[in-house]
């Protein structure tokens, strides 16, 4: 494996099975990365769409290579195939190839409904 720095920027959602799978791969290999939360900061979503040419996340840039709409499993495979990582048999601490559960979707929907509500205190 080449001895080189790995520069990673990840466009992820705050709560998302796919995004958590990407994070799990970064934790598995103890990789440093810059996370850009496209839910908390809409400017990051716009930036991701401009750089990837499409609206789906997660998107991960590894050393100037855009991996658009990927799972953690795909990020790991790409990095191994490109000699950036040596394959580890360690089990990730979260699923690396699954969508959000129905419960996670319900929680996100409930949170979205609460955004922008004004609480009136009498």
PDB file of N, CA and C in Angstrom:
ATOM      1  N   UNK A   1       0.848  -1.180   0.000  1.00  0.00           N
ATOM      2  CA  UNK A   1       0.000   0.000   0.000  1.00  0.00           C
ATOM      3  C   UNK A   1       0.889   1.238   0.000  1.00  0.00           C
ATOM      4  N   UNK A   2       0.611   2.206  -0.867  1.00  0.00           N
ATOM      5  CA  UNK A   2       1.434   3.412  -0.933  1.00  0.00           C
ATOM      6  C   UNK A   2       1.364   4.197   0.372  1.00  0.00           C
ATOM      7  N   UNK A   3       2.465   4.824   0.713  1.00  0.00           N
ATOM      8  CA  UNK A   3       2.496   5.672   1.893  1.00  0.00           C
ATOM      9  C   UNK A   3       2.123   7.083   1.440  1.00  0.00           C
ATOM     10  N   UNK A   4       0.862   7.433   1.594  1.00  0.00           N
ATOM     11  CA  UNK A   4       0.412   8.740   1.141  1.00  0.00           C
ATOM     12  C   UNK A   4      -0.705   9.244   2.042  1.00  0.00           C
ATOM     13  N   UNK A   5      -0.873  10.547   2.023  1.00  0.00           N
ATOM     14  CA  UNK A   5      -1.966  11.133   2.776  1.00  0.00           C
ATOM     15  C   UNK A   5      -3.257  10.889   2.023  1.00  0.00           C
ATOM     16  N   UNK A   6      -4.322  10.690   2.772  1.00  0.00           N
ATOM     17  CA  UNK A   6      -5.645  10.537   2.172  1.00  0.00           C
ATOM     18  C   UNK A   6      -6.467  11.745   2.592  1.00  0.00           C
ATOM     19  N   UNK A   7      -6.941  12.502   1.617  1.00  0.00           N
ATOM     20  CA  UNK A   7      -7.751  13.686   1.873  1.00  0.00           C
ATOM     21  C   UNK A   7      -9.203  13.345   1.548  1.00  0.00           C
ATOM     22  N   UNK A   8     -10.083  13.399   2.560  1.00  0.00           N
ATOM     23  CA  UNK A   8     -11.476  12.975   2.384  1.00  0.00           C
ATOM     24  C   UNK A   8     -12.428  14.084   2.814  1.00  0.00           C
ATOM     25  N   UNK A   9     -13.391  14.362   1.937  1.00  0.00           N
ATOM     26  CA  UNK A   9     -14.521  15.232   2.264  1.00  0.00           C
ATOM     27  C   UNK A   9     -15.779  14.413   2.019  1.00  0.00           C
ATOM     28  N   UNK A  10     -16.663  14.376   3.019  1.00  0.00           N
ATOM     29  CA  UNK A  10     -17.876  13.565   2.912  1.00  0.00           C
ATOM     30  C   UNK A  10     -19.111  14.442   3.061  1.00  0.00           C
ATOM     31  N   UNK A  11     -19.983  14.379   2.061  1.00  0.00           N
ATOM     32  CA  UNK A  11     -21.276  15.078   2.096  1.00  0.00           C
ATOM     33  C   UNK A  11     -22.294  14.065   2.613  1.00  0.00           C
ATOM     34  N   UNK A  12     -22.729  14.266   3.856  1.00  0.00           N
ATOM     35  CA  UNK A  12     -23.573  13.292   4.536  1.00  0.00           C
ATOM     36  C   UNK A  12     -24.804  13.956   5.127  1.00  0.00           C
ATOM     37  N   UNK A  13     -25.802  13.131   5.418  1.00  0.00           N
ATOM     38  CA  UNK A  13     -26.987  13.597   6.128  1.00  0.00           C
ATOM     39  C   UNK A  13     -26.785  13.354   7.614  1.00  0.00           C
ATOM     40  N   UNK A  14     -27.410  14.200   8.423  1.00  0.00           N
ATOM     41  CA  UNK A  14     -27.303  14.092   9.873  1.00  0.00           C
ATOM     42  C   UNK A  14     -27.685  12.693  10.334  1.00  0.00           C
ATOM     43  N   UNK A  15     -28.867  12.250   9.933  1.00  0.00           N
ATOM     44  CA  UNK A  15     -29.373  10.927  10.302  1.00  0.00           C
ATOM     45  C   UNK A  15     -29.751  10.204   9.020  1.00  0.00           C
ATOM     46  N   UNK A  16     -28.995   9.165   8.679  1.00  0.00           N
ATOM     47  CA  UNK A  16     -29.263   8.425   7.450  1.00  0.00           C
ATOM     48  C   UNK A  16     -28.483   7.125   7.511  1.00  0.00           C
ATOM     49  N   UNK A  17     -29.133   6.022   7.186  1.00  0.00           N
ATOM     50  CA  UNK A  17     -28.452   4.738   7.193  1.00  0.00           C
ATOM     51  C   UNK A  17     -27.256   4.715   6.266  1.00  0.00           C
ATOM     52  N   UNK A  18     -27.419   5.270   5.066  1.00  0.00           N
ATOM     53  CA  UNK A  18     -26.309   5.282   4.095  1.00  0.00           C
ATOM     54  C   UNK A  18     -25.162   6.138   4.612  1.00  0.00           C
ATOM     55  N   UNK A  19     -25.477   7.315   5.152  1.00  0.00           N
ATOM     56  CA  UNK A  19     -24.428   8.200   5.678  1.00  0.00           C
ATOM     57  C   UNK A  19     -23.721   7.560   6.861  1.00  0.00           C
ATOM     58  N   UNK A  20     -24.469   6.913   7.735  1.00  0.00           N
ATOM     59  CA  UNK A  20     -23.846   6.263   8.893  1.00  0.00           C
ATOM     60  C   UNK A  20     -22.946   5.116   8.446  1.00  0.00           C
ATOM     61  N   UNK A  21     -23.297   4.453   7.350  1.00  0.00           N
ATOM     62  CA  UNK A  21     -22.439   3.403   6.808  1.00  0.00           C
ATOM     63  C   UNK A  21     -21.101   3.941   6.336  1.00  0.00           C
ATOM     64  N   UNK A  22     -21.123   5.126   5.730  1.00  0.00           N
ATOM     65  CA  UNK A  22     -19.873   5.769   5.305  1.00  0.00           C
ATOM     66  C   UNK A  22     -19.051   6.138   6.539  1.00  0.00           C
ATOM     67  N   UNK A  23     -19.699   6.733   7.542  1.00  0.00           N
ATOM     68  CA  UNK A  23     -18.988   7.073   8.781  1.00  0.00           C
ATOM     69  C   UNK A  23     -18.381   5.816   9.424  1.00  0.00           C
ATOM     70  N   UNK A  24     -19.115   4.697   9.381  1.00  0.00           N
ATOM     71  CA  UNK A  24     -18.630   3.447   9.987  1.00  0.00           C
ATOM     72  C   UNK A  24     -17.327   2.992   9.324  1.00  0.00           C
ATOM     73  N   UNK A  25     -17.226   3.167   8.014  1.00  0.00           N
ATOM     74  CA  UNK A  25     -15.982   2.804   7.319  1.00  0.00           C
ATOM     75  C   UNK A  25     -14.855   3.724   7.754  1.00  0.00           C
ATOM     76  N   UNK A  26     -15.124   5.005   7.887  1.00  0.00           N
ATOM     77  CA  UNK A  26     -14.085   5.934   8.337  1.00  0.00           C
ATOM     78  C   UNK A  26     -13.631   5.569   9.752  1.00  0.00           C
ATOM     79  N   UNK A  27     -14.572   5.177  10.622  1.00  0.00           N
ATOM     80  CA  UNK A  27     -14.198   4.762  11.981  1.00  0.00           C
ATOM     81  C   UNK A  27     -13.413   3.449  11.952  1.00  0.00           C
ATOM     82  N   UNK A  28     -13.854   2.504  11.118  1.00  0.00           N
ATOM     83  CA  UNK A  28     -13.192   1.197  11.019  1.00  0.00           C
ATOM     84  C   UNK A  28     -11.714   1.344  10.687  1.00  0.00           C
ATOM     85  N   UNK A  29     -11.397   2.248   9.780  1.00  0.00           N
ATOM     86  CA  UNK A  29     -10.013   2.433   9.340  1.00  0.00           C
ATOM     87  C   UNK A  29      -9.342   3.637  10.019  1.00  0.00           C
ATOM     88  N   UNK A  30     -10.039   4.257  10.973  1.00  0.00           N
ATOM     89  CA  UNK A  30      -9.517   5.420  11.694  1.00  0.00           C
ATOM     90  C   UNK A  30      -9.048   6.503  10.722  1.00  0.00           C
ATOM     91  N   UNK A  31      -9.918   6.820   9.758  1.00  0.00           N
ATOM     92  CA  UNK A  31      -9.607   7.813   8.732  1.00  0.00           C
ATOM     93  C   UNK A  31     -10.122   9.191   9.145  1.00  0.00           C
ATOM     94  N   UNK A  32      -9.285  10.183   9.010  1.00  0.00           N
ATOM     95  CA  UNK A  32      -9.705  11.562   9.239  1.00  0.00           C
ATOM     96  C   UNK A  32     -10.460  12.033   8.000  1.00  0.00           C
ATOM     97  N   UNK A  33     -11.516  12.805   8.214  1.00  0.00           N
ATOM     98  CA  UNK A  33     -12.292  13.327   7.088  1.00  0.00           C
ATOM     99  C   UNK A  33     -13.010  14.594   7.497  1.00  0.00           C
ATOM    100  N   UNK A  34     -13.352  15.391   6.501  1.00  0.00           N
ATOM    101  CA  UNK A  34     -14.163  16.581   6.728  1.00  0.00           C
ATOM    102  C   UNK A  34     -15.605  16.212   6.401  1.00  0.00           C
ATOM    103  N   UNK A  35     -16.486  16.373   7.376  1.00  0.00           N
ATOM    104  CA  UNK A  35     -17.901  16.080   7.140  1.00  0.00           C
ATOM    105  C   UNK A  35     -18.641  17.367   6.840  1.00  0.00           C
ATOM    106  N   UNK A  36     -19.435  17.331   5.765  1.00  0.00           N
ATOM    107  CA  UNK A  36     -20.291  18.455   5.404  1.00  0.00           C
ATOM    108  C   UNK A  36     -21.731  17.946   5.453  1.00  0.00           C
ATOM    109  N   UNK A  37     -22.443  18.354   6.497  1.00  0.00           N
ATOM    110  CA  UNK A  37     -23.811  17.906   6.741  1.00  0.00           C
ATOM    111  C   UNK A  37     -24.766  18.678   5.836  1.00  0.00           C
ATOM    112  N   UNK A  38     -25.328  17.982   4.859  1.00  0.00           N
ATOM    113  CA  UNK A  38     -26.177  18.639   3.858  1.00  0.00           C
ATOM    114  C   UNK A  38     -27.579  18.942   4.376  1.00  0.00           C
ATOM    115  N   UNK A  39     -27.919  18.421   5.547  1.00  0.00           N
ATOM    116  CA  UNK A  39     -29.215  18.733   6.162  1.00  0.00           C
ATOM    117  C   UNK A  39     -29.093  19.995   7.008  1.00  0.00           C
ATOM    118  N   UNK A  40     -28.065  20.060   7.821  1.00  0.00           N
ATOM    119  CA  UNK A  40     -27.877  21.220   8.703  1.00  0.00           C
ATOM    120  C   UNK A  40     -27.440  22.463   7.929  1.00  0.00           C
ATOM    121  N   UNK A  41     -26.779  22.260   6.791  1.00  0.00           N
ATOM    122  CA  UNK A  41     -26.290  23.391   6.017  1.00  0.00           C
ATOM    123  C   UNK A  41     -26.646  23.194   4.536  1.00  0.00           C
ATOM    124  N   UNK A  42     -27.748  23.804   4.075  1.00  0.00           N
ATOM    125  CA  UNK A  42     -28.177  23.645   2.683  1.00  0.00           C
ATOM    126  C   UNK A  42     -27.124  24.078   1.662  1.00  0.00           C
ATOM    127  N   UNK A  43     -26.212  24.955   2.047  1.00  0.00           N
ATOM    128  CA  UNK A  43     -25.152  25.358   1.120  1.00  0.00           C
ATOM    129  C   UNK A  43     -24.258  24.169   0.783  1.00  0.00           C
ATOM    130  N   UNK A  44     -24.090  23.245   1.732  1.00  0.00           N
ATOM    131  CA  UNK A  44     -23.302  22.043   1.455  1.00  0.00           C
ATOM    132  C   UNK A  44     -24.026  21.136   0.468  1.00  0.00           C
ATOM    133  N   UNK A  45     -25.363  21.082   0.538  1.00  0.00           N
ATOM    134  CA  UNK A  45     -26.119  20.289  -0.445  1.00  0.00           C
ATOM    135  C   UNK A  45     -25.896  20.860  -1.839  1.00  0.00           C
ATOM    136  N   UNK A  46     -25.988  22.181  -1.963  1.00  0.00           N
ATOM    137  CA  UNK A  46     -25.772  22.834  -3.258  1.00  0.00           C
ATOM    138  C   UNK A  46     -24.357  22.530  -3.751  1.00  0.00           C
ATOM    139  N   UNK A  47     -23.372  22.658  -2.865  1.00  0.00           N
ATOM    140  CA  UNK A  47     -21.973  22.382  -3.219  1.00  0.00           C
ATOM    141  C   UNK A  47     -21.814  20.935  -3.698  1.00  0.00           C
ATOM    142  N   UNK A  48     -22.431  19.994  -2.967  1.00  0.00           N
ATOM    143  CA  UNK A  48     -22.364  18.577  -3.337  1.00  0.00           C
ATOM    144  C   UNK A  48     -22.955  18.358  -4.724  1.00  0.00           C
ATOM    145  N   UNK A  49     -24.116  18.958  -4.987  1.00  0.00           N
ATOM    146  CA  UNK A  49     -24.769  18.782  -6.286  1.00  0.00           C
ATOM    147  C   UNK A  49     -23.919  19.362  -7.412  1.00  0.00           C
ATOM    148  N   UNK A  50     -23.271  20.501  -7.157  1.00  0.00           N
ATOM    149  CA  UNK A  50     -22.417  21.106  -8.184  1.00  0.00           C
ATOM    150  C   UNK A  50     -21.201  20.225  -8.468  1.00  0.00           C
ATOM    151  N   UNK A  51     -20.610  19.671  -7.419  1.00  0.00           N
ATOM    152  CA  UNK A  51     -19.397  18.867  -7.589  1.00  0.00           C
ATOM    153  C   UNK A  51     -19.693  17.472  -8.130  1.00  0.00           C
ATOM    154  N   UNK A  52     -20.843  16.892  -7.741  1.00  0.00           N
ATOM    155  CA  UNK A  52     -21.146  15.511  -8.150  1.00  0.00           C
ATOM    156  C   UNK A  52     -22.002  15.437  -9.410  1.00  0.00           C
ATOM    157  N   UNK A  53     -22.692  16.540  -9.731  1.00  0.00           N
ATOM    158  CA  UNK A  53     -23.558  16.546 -10.903  1.00  0.00           C
ATOM    159  C   UNK A  53     -24.874  15.818 -10.690  1.00  0.00           C
ATOM    160  N   UNK A  54     -25.213  15.540  -9.428  1.00  0.00           N
ATOM    161  CA  UNK A  54     -26.472  14.850  -9.124  1.00  0.00           C
ATOM    162  C   UNK A  54     -26.865  15.142  -7.670  1.00  0.00           C
ATOM    163  N   UNK A  55     -28.134  14.870  -7.273  1.00  0.00           N
ATOM    164  CA  UNK A  55     -28.621  15.290  -5.961  1.00  0.00           C
ATOM    165  C   UNK A  55     -28.579  14.241  -4.842  1.00  0.00           C
ATOM    166  N   UNK A  56     -28.124  13.038  -5.120  1.00  0.00           N
ATOM    167  CA  UNK A  56     -28.218  11.974  -4.123  1.00  0.00           C
ATOM    168  C   UNK A  56     -26.977  11.908  -3.232  1.00  0.00           C
ATOM    169  N   UNK A  57     -27.201  11.570  -1.972  1.00  0.00           N
ATOM    170  CA  UNK A  57     -26.099  11.437  -1.035  1.00  0.00           C
ATOM    171  C   UNK A  57     -26.126  10.026  -0.449  1.00  0.00           C
ATOM    172  N   UNK A  58     -25.027   9.614   0.148  1.00  0.00           N
ATOM    173  CA  UNK A  58     -23.782  10.312   0.414  1.00  0.00           C
ATOM    174  C   UNK A  58     -22.917  10.467  -0.836  1.00  0.00           C
ATOM    175  N   UNK A  59     -22.112  11.524  -0.804  1.00  0.00           N
ATOM    176  CA  UNK A  59     -21.068  11.727  -1.799  1.00  0.00           C
ATOM    177  C   UNK A  59     -19.771  11.922  -1.032  1.00  0.00           C
ATOM    178  N   UNK A  60     -18.729  11.279  -1.513  1.00  0.00           N
ATOM    179  CA  UNK A  60     -17.436  11.331  -0.828  1.00  0.00           C
ATOM    180  C   UNK A  60     -16.369  11.679  -1.858  1.00  0.00           C
ATOM    181  N   UNK A  61     -15.551  12.653  -1.520  1.00  0.00           N
ATOM    182  CA  UNK A  61     -14.408  13.004  -2.364  1.00  0.00           C
ATOM    183  C   UNK A  61     -13.159  12.463  -1.668  1.00  0.00           C
ATOM    184  N   UNK A  62     -12.445  11.592  -2.367  1.00  0.00           N
ATOM    185  CA  UNK A  62     -11.202  11.023  -1.850  1.00  0.00           C
ATOM    186  C   UNK A  62     -10.077  11.442  -2.792  1.00  0.00           C
ATOM    187  N   UNK A  63      -9.174  12.269  -2.273  1.00  0.00           N
ATOM    188  CA  UNK A  63      -8.045  12.740  -3.093  1.00  0.00           C
ATOM    189  C   UNK A  63      -8.510  13.223  -4.467  1.00  0.00           C
ATOM    190  N   UNK A  64      -9.520  14.085  -4.477  1.00  0.00           N
ATOM    191  CA  UNK A  64     -10.065  14.708  -5.696  1.00  0.00           C
ATOM    192  C   UNK A  64     -10.884  13.771  -6.580  1.00  0.00           C
ATOM    193  N   UNK A  65     -11.184  12.550  -6.118  1.00  0.00           N
ATOM    194  CA  UNK A  65     -12.047  11.619  -6.860  1.00  0.00           C
ATOM    195  C   UNK A  65     -13.437  11.628  -6.228  1.00  0.00           C
ATOM    196  N   UNK A  66     -14.448  11.997  -7.015  1.00  0.00           N
ATOM    197  CA  UNK A  66     -15.817  12.052  -6.521  1.00  0.00           C
ATOM    198  C   UNK A  66     -16.464  10.671  -6.588  1.00  0.00           C
ATOM    199  N   UNK A  67     -16.935  10.198  -5.439  1.00  0.00           N
ATOM    200  CA  UNK A  67     -17.718   8.963  -5.359  1.00  0.00           C
ATOM    201  C   UNK A  67     -19.136   9.408  -5.030  1.00  0.00           C
ATOM    202  N   UNK A  68     -20.007   9.411  -6.030  1.00  0.00           N
ATOM    203  CA  UNK A  68     -21.351   9.960  -5.873  1.00  0.00           C
ATOM    204  C   UNK A  68     -22.360   8.880  -5.525  1.00  0.00           C
ATOM    205  N   UNK A  69     -23.259   9.209  -4.594  1.00  0.00           N
ATOM    206  CA  UNK A  69     -24.358   8.324  -4.207  1.00  0.00           C
ATOM    207  C   UNK A  69     -23.823   6.938  -3.856  1.00  0.00           C
ATOM    208  N   UNK A  70     -22.973   6.876  -2.818  1.00  0.00           N
ATOM    209  CA  UNK A  70     -22.294   5.629  -2.463  1.00  0.00           C
ATOM    210  C   UNK A  70     -22.665   5.146  -1.065  1.00  0.00           C
ATOM    211  N   UNK A  71     -22.463   3.867  -0.868  1.00  0.00           N
ATOM    212  CA  UNK A  71     -22.605   3.258   0.455  1.00  0.00           C
ATOM    213  C   UNK A  71     -21.223   3.178   1.088  1.00  0.00           C
ATOM    214  N   UNK A  72     -21.185   2.891   2.374  1.00  0.00           N
ATOM    215  CA  UNK A  72     -19.904   2.664   3.028  1.00  0.00           C
ATOM    216  C   UNK A  72     -19.164   1.503   2.403  1.00  0.00           C
ATOM    217  N   UNK A  73     -19.908   0.466   2.030  1.00  0.00           N
ATOM    218  CA  UNK A  73     -19.323  -0.703   1.385  1.00  0.00           C
ATOM    219  C   UNK A  73     -18.608  -0.306   0.089  1.00  0.00           C
ATOM    220  N   UNK A  74     -19.236   0.565  -0.691  1.00  0.00           N
ATOM    221  CA  UNK A  74     -18.643   1.004  -1.958  1.00  0.00           C
ATOM    222  C   UNK A  74     -17.417   1.894  -1.727  1.00  0.00           C
ATOM    223  N   UNK A  75     -17.472   2.743  -0.700  1.00  0.00           N
ATOM    224  CA  UNK A  75     -16.316   3.589  -0.388  1.00  0.00           C
ATOM    225  C   UNK A  75     -15.129   2.710  -0.001  1.00  0.00           C
ATOM    226  N   UNK A  76     -15.376   1.740   0.873  1.00  0.00           N
ATOM    227  CA  UNK A  76     -14.307   0.836   1.300  1.00  0.00           C
ATOM    228  C   UNK A  76     -13.721   0.084   0.097  1.00  0.00           C
ATOM    229  N   UNK A  77     -14.569  -0.470  -0.747  1.00  0.00           N
ATOM    230  CA  UNK A  77     -14.102  -1.232  -1.914  1.00  0.00           C
ATOM    231  C   UNK A  77     -13.276  -0.348  -2.846  1.00  0.00           C
ATOM    232  N   UNK A  78     -13.736   0.871  -3.101  1.00  0.00           N
ATOM    233  CA  UNK A  78     -13.017   1.779  -3.999  1.00  0.00           C
ATOM    234  C   UNK A  78     -11.637   2.112  -3.436  1.00  0.00           C
ATOM    235  N   UNK A  79     -11.581   2.371  -2.135  1.00  0.00           N
ATOM    236  CA  UNK A  79     -10.303   2.740  -1.521  1.00  0.00           C
ATOM    237  C   UNK A  79      -9.324   1.564  -1.521  1.00  0.00           C
ATOM    238  N   UNK A  80      -9.826   0.361  -1.344  1.00  0.00           N
ATOM    239  CA  UNK A  80      -8.964  -0.831  -1.402  1.00  0.00           C
ATOM    240  C   UNK A  80      -8.480  -1.057  -2.834  1.00  0.00           C
ATOM    241  N   UNK A  81      -9.410  -0.973  -3.804  1.00  0.00           N
ATOM    242  CA  UNK A  81      -9.044  -1.181  -5.216  1.00  0.00           C
ATOM    243  C   UNK A  81      -8.019  -0.166  -5.699  1.00  0.00           C
ATOM    244  N   UNK A  82      -8.040   1.027  -5.111  1.00  0.00           N
ATOM    245  CA  UNK A  82      -7.117   2.086  -5.514  1.00  0.00           C
ATOM    246  C   UNK A  82      -5.901   2.183  -4.595  1.00  0.00           C
ATOM    247  N   UNK A  83      -5.646   1.103  -3.846  1.00  0.00           N
ATOM    248  CA  UNK A  83      -4.460   0.986  -2.982  1.00  0.00           C
ATOM    249  C   UNK A  83      -4.332   2.095  -1.950  1.00  0.00           C
ATOM    250  N   UNK A  84      -5.467   2.595  -1.466  1.00  0.00           N
ATOM    251  CA  UNK A  84      -5.441   3.592  -0.400  1.00  0.00           C
ATOM    252  C   UNK A  84      -5.604   2.943   0.973  1.00  0.00           C
ATOM    253  N   UNK A  85      -6.162   1.733   0.985  1.00  0.00           N
ATOM    254  CA  UNK A  85      -6.363   0.976   2.225  1.00  0.00           C
ATOM    255  C   UNK A  85      -5.979  -0.474   1.995  1.00  0.00           C
ATOM    256  N   UNK A  86      -5.530  -1.118   3.062  1.00  0.00           N
ATOM    257  CA  UNK A  86      -5.374  -2.569   3.060  1.00  0.00           C
ATOM    258  C   UNK A  86      -6.640  -3.128   3.709  1.00  0.00           C
ATOM    259  N   UNK A  87      -7.242  -4.129   3.101  1.00  0.00           N
ATOM    260  CA  UNK A  87      -8.509  -4.680   3.590  1.00  0.00           C
ATOM    261  C   UNK A  87      -8.374  -5.146   5.030  1.00  0.00           C
ATOM    262  N   UNK A  88      -9.320  -4.730   5.845  1.00  0.00           N
ATOM    263  CA  UNK A  88      -9.395  -5.146   7.240  1.00  0.00           C
ATOM    264  C   UNK A  88     -10.596  -6.066   7.406  1.00  0.00           C
ATOM    265  N   UNK A  89     -10.435  -7.133   8.153  1.00  0.00           N
ATOM    266  CA  UNK A  89     -11.546  -8.057   8.410  1.00  0.00           C
ATOM    267  C   UNK A  89     -12.362  -7.622   9.627  1.00  0.00           C
ATOM    268  N   UNK A  90     -11.972  -6.530  10.258  1.00  0.00           N
ATOM    269  CA  UNK A  90     -12.722  -6.004  11.400  1.00  0.00           C
ATOM    270  C   UNK A  90     -14.147  -5.669  10.960  1.00  0.00           C
ATOM    271  N   UNK A  91     -15.102  -5.989  11.803  1.00  0.00           N
ATOM    272  CA  UNK A  91     -16.503  -5.702  11.497  1.00  0.00           C
ATOM    273  C   UNK A  91     -16.796  -4.236  11.813  1.00  0.00           C
ATOM    274  N   UNK A  92     -17.394  -3.493  10.879  1.00  0.00           N
ATOM    275  CA  UNK A  92     -17.756  -2.098  11.151  1.00  0.00           C
ATOM    276  C   UNK A  92     -18.764  -2.028  12.306  1.00  0.00           C
ATOM    277  N   UNK A  93     -18.815  -0.875  12.974  1.00  0.00           N
ATOM    278  CA  UNK A  93     -19.702  -0.722  14.115  1.00  0.00           C
ATOM    279  C   UNK A  93     -21.123  -0.313  13.740  1.00  0.00           C
ATOM    280  N   UNK A  94     -21.429  -0.270  12.449  1.00  0.00           N
ATOM    281  CA  UNK A  94     -22.782   0.032  11.954  1.00  0.00           C
ATOM    282  C   UNK A  94     -22.912  -0.625  10.579  1.00  0.00           C
ATOM    283  N   UNK A  95     -24.150  -0.895  10.139  1.00  0.00           N
ATOM    284  CA  UNK A  95     -24.330  -1.445   8.783  1.00  0.00           C
ATOM    285  C   UNK A  95     -23.745  -0.478   7.748  1.00  0.00           C
ATOM    286  N   UNK A  96     -23.068  -1.036   6.738  1.00  0.00           N
ATOM    287  CA  UNK A  96     -22.404  -0.175   5.746  1.00  0.00           C
ATOM    288  C   UNK A  96     -23.111  -0.177   4.403  1.00  0.00           C
ATOM    289  N   UNK A  97     -24.268  -0.835   4.338  1.00  0.00           N
ATOM    290  CA  UNK A  97     -24.979  -0.916   3.060  1.00  0.00           C
ATOM    291  C   UNK A  97     -26.493  -0.964   3.251  1.00  0.00           C
ATOM    292  N   UNK A  98     -27.003  -0.055   4.092  1.00  0.00           N
ATOM    293  CA  UNK A  98     -28.460  -0.091   4.297  1.00  0.00           C
ATOM    294  C   UNK A  98     -29.041   1.308   4.433  1.00  0.00           C
ATOM    295  N   UNK A  99     -30.282   1.405   4.048  1.00  0.00           N
ATOM    296  CA  UNK A  99     -31.017   2.661   4.152  1.00  0.00           C
ATOM    297  C   UNK A  99     -31.447   2.881   5.594  1.00  0.00           C
ATOM    298  N   UNK A 100     -32.079   4.000   5.823  1.00  0.00           N
ATOM    299  CA  UNK A 100     -32.632   4.285   7.139  1.00  0.00           C
ATOM    300  C   UNK A 100     -33.765   3.311   7.439  1.00  0.00           C
ATOM    301  N   UNK A 101     -33.941   3.051   8.729  1.00  0.00           N
ATOM    302  CA  UNK A 101     -35.075   2.239   9.148  1.00  0.00           C
ATOM    303  C   UNK A 101     -36.339   3.083   9.070  1.00  0.00           C
ATOM    304  N   UNK A 102     -37.497   2.443   9.129  1.00  0.00           N
ATOM    305  CA  UNK A 102     -38.763   3.183   9.151  1.00  0.00           C
ATOM    306  C   UNK A 102     -38.807   4.128  10.350  1.00  0.00           C
ATOM    307  N   UNK A 103     -38.255   3.686  11.482  1.00  0.00           N
ATOM    308  CA  UNK A 103     -38.236   4.515  12.681  1.00  0.00           C
ATOM    309  C   UNK A 103     -37.386   5.771  12.472  1.00  0.00           C
ATOM    310  N   UNK A 104     -36.233   5.620  11.795  1.00  0.00           N
ATOM    311  CA  UNK A 104     -35.383   6.779  11.519  1.00  0.00           C
ATOM    312  C   UNK A 104     -36.079   7.754  10.579  1.00  0.00           C
ATOM    313  N   UNK A 105     -36.774   7.233   9.562  1.00  0.00           N
ATOM    314  CA  UNK A 105     -37.528   8.106   8.658  1.00  0.00           C
ATOM    315  C   UNK A 105     -38.611   8.859   9.408  1.00  0.00           C
ATOM    316  N   UNK A 106     -39.327   8.188  10.301  1.00  0.00           N
ATOM    317  CA  UNK A 106     -40.384   8.828  11.085  1.00  0.00           C
ATOM    318  C   UNK A 106     -39.803   9.923  11.975  1.00  0.00           C
ATOM    319  N   UNK A 107     -38.656   9.658  12.592  1.00  0.00           N
ATOM    320  CA  UNK A 107     -38.022  10.659  13.451  1.00  0.00           C
ATOM    321  C   UNK A 107     -37.583  11.876  12.645  1.00  0.00           C
ATOM    322  N   UNK A 108     -37.041  11.647  11.439  1.00  0.00           N
ATOM    323  CA  UNK A 108     -36.629  12.767  10.592  1.00  0.00           C
ATOM    324  C   UNK A 108     -37.840  13.590  10.156  1.00  0.00           C
ATOM    325  N   UNK A 109     -38.932  12.914   9.830  1.00  0.00           N
ATOM    326  CA  UNK A 109     -40.149  13.625   9.422  1.00  0.00           C
ATOM    327  C   UNK A 109     -40.688  14.459  10.577  1.00  0.00           C
ATOM    328  N   UNK A 110     -40.682  13.891  11.766  1.00  0.00           N
ATOM    329  CA  UNK A 110     -41.167  14.626  12.938  1.00  0.00           C
ATOM    330  C   UNK A 110     -40.283  15.834  13.212  1.00  0.00           C
ATOM    331  N   UNK A 111     -38.981  15.664  13.077  1.00  0.00           N
ATOM    332  CA  UNK A 111     -38.053  16.772  13.288  1.00  0.00           C
ATOM    333  C   UNK A 111     -38.296  17.868  12.250  1.00  0.00           C
ATOM    334  N   UNK A 112     -38.527  17.481  11.011  1.00  0.00           N
ATOM    335  CA  UNK A 112     -38.765  18.455   9.944  1.00  0.00           C
ATOM    336  C   UNK A 112     -40.026  19.274  10.226  1.00  0.00           C
ATOM    337  N   UNK A 113     -41.041  18.629  10.795  1.00  0.00           N
ATOM    338  CA  UNK A 113     -42.270  19.347  11.123  1.00  0.00           C
ATOM    339  C   UNK A 113     -42.048  20.372  12.221  1.00  0.00           C
ATOM    340  N   UNK A 114     -41.104  20.120  13.097  1.00  0.00           N
ATOM    341  CA  UNK A 114     -40.834  21.033  14.210  1.00  0.00           C
ATOM    342  C   UNK A 114     -39.944  22.197  13.812  1.00  0.00           C
ATOM    343  N   UNK A 115     -39.251  22.085  12.717  1.00  0.00           N
ATOM    344  CA  UNK A 115     -38.385  23.173  12.265  1.00  0.00           C
ATOM    345  C   UNK A 115     -39.257  24.341  11.820  1.00  0.00           C
ATOM    346  N   UNK A 116     -38.944  25.501  12.310  1.00  0.00           N
ATOM    347  CA  UNK A 116     -39.680  26.695  11.910  1.00  0.00           C
ATOM    348  C   UNK A 116     -40.902  26.997  12.759  1.00  0.00           C
ATOM    349  N   UNK A 117     -41.269  26.103  13.653  1.00  0.00           N
ATOM    350  CA  UNK A 117     -42.394  26.383  14.532  1.00  0.00           C
ATOM    351  C   UNK A 117     -41.955  27.379  15.591  1.00  0.00           C
ATOM    352  N   UNK A 118     -42.822  28.284  15.908  1.00  0.00           N
ATOM    353  CA  UNK A 118     -42.541  29.290  16.918  1.00  0.00           C
ATOM    354  C   UNK A 118     -43.257  28.889  18.193  1.00  0.00           C
ATOM    355  N   UNK A 119     -42.521  28.885  19.269  1.00  0.00           N
ATOM    356  CA  UNK A 119     -43.108  28.564  20.563  1.00  0.00           C
ATOM    357  C   UNK A 119     -43.541  29.856  21.228  1.00  0.00           C
ATOM    358  N   UNK A 120     -44.803  29.933  21.577  1.00  0.00           N
ATOM    359  CA  UNK A 120     -45.339  31.129  22.212  1.00  0.00           C
ATOM    360  C   UNK A 120     -45.384  30.885  23.719  1.00  0.00           C
ATOM    361  N   UNK A 121     -44.741  31.755  24.436  1.00  0.00           N
ATOM    362  CA  UNK A 121     -44.735  31.642  25.896  1.00  0.00           C
ATOM    363  C   UNK A 121     -45.575  32.792  26.447  1.00  0.00           C
ATOM    364  N   UNK A 122     -46.542  32.432  27.245  1.00  0.00           N
ATOM    365  CA  UNK A 122     -47.425  33.459  27.798  1.00  0.00           C
ATOM    366  C   UNK A 122     -47.035  33.806  29.209  1.00  0.00           C
TER     367      UNK A 122
END
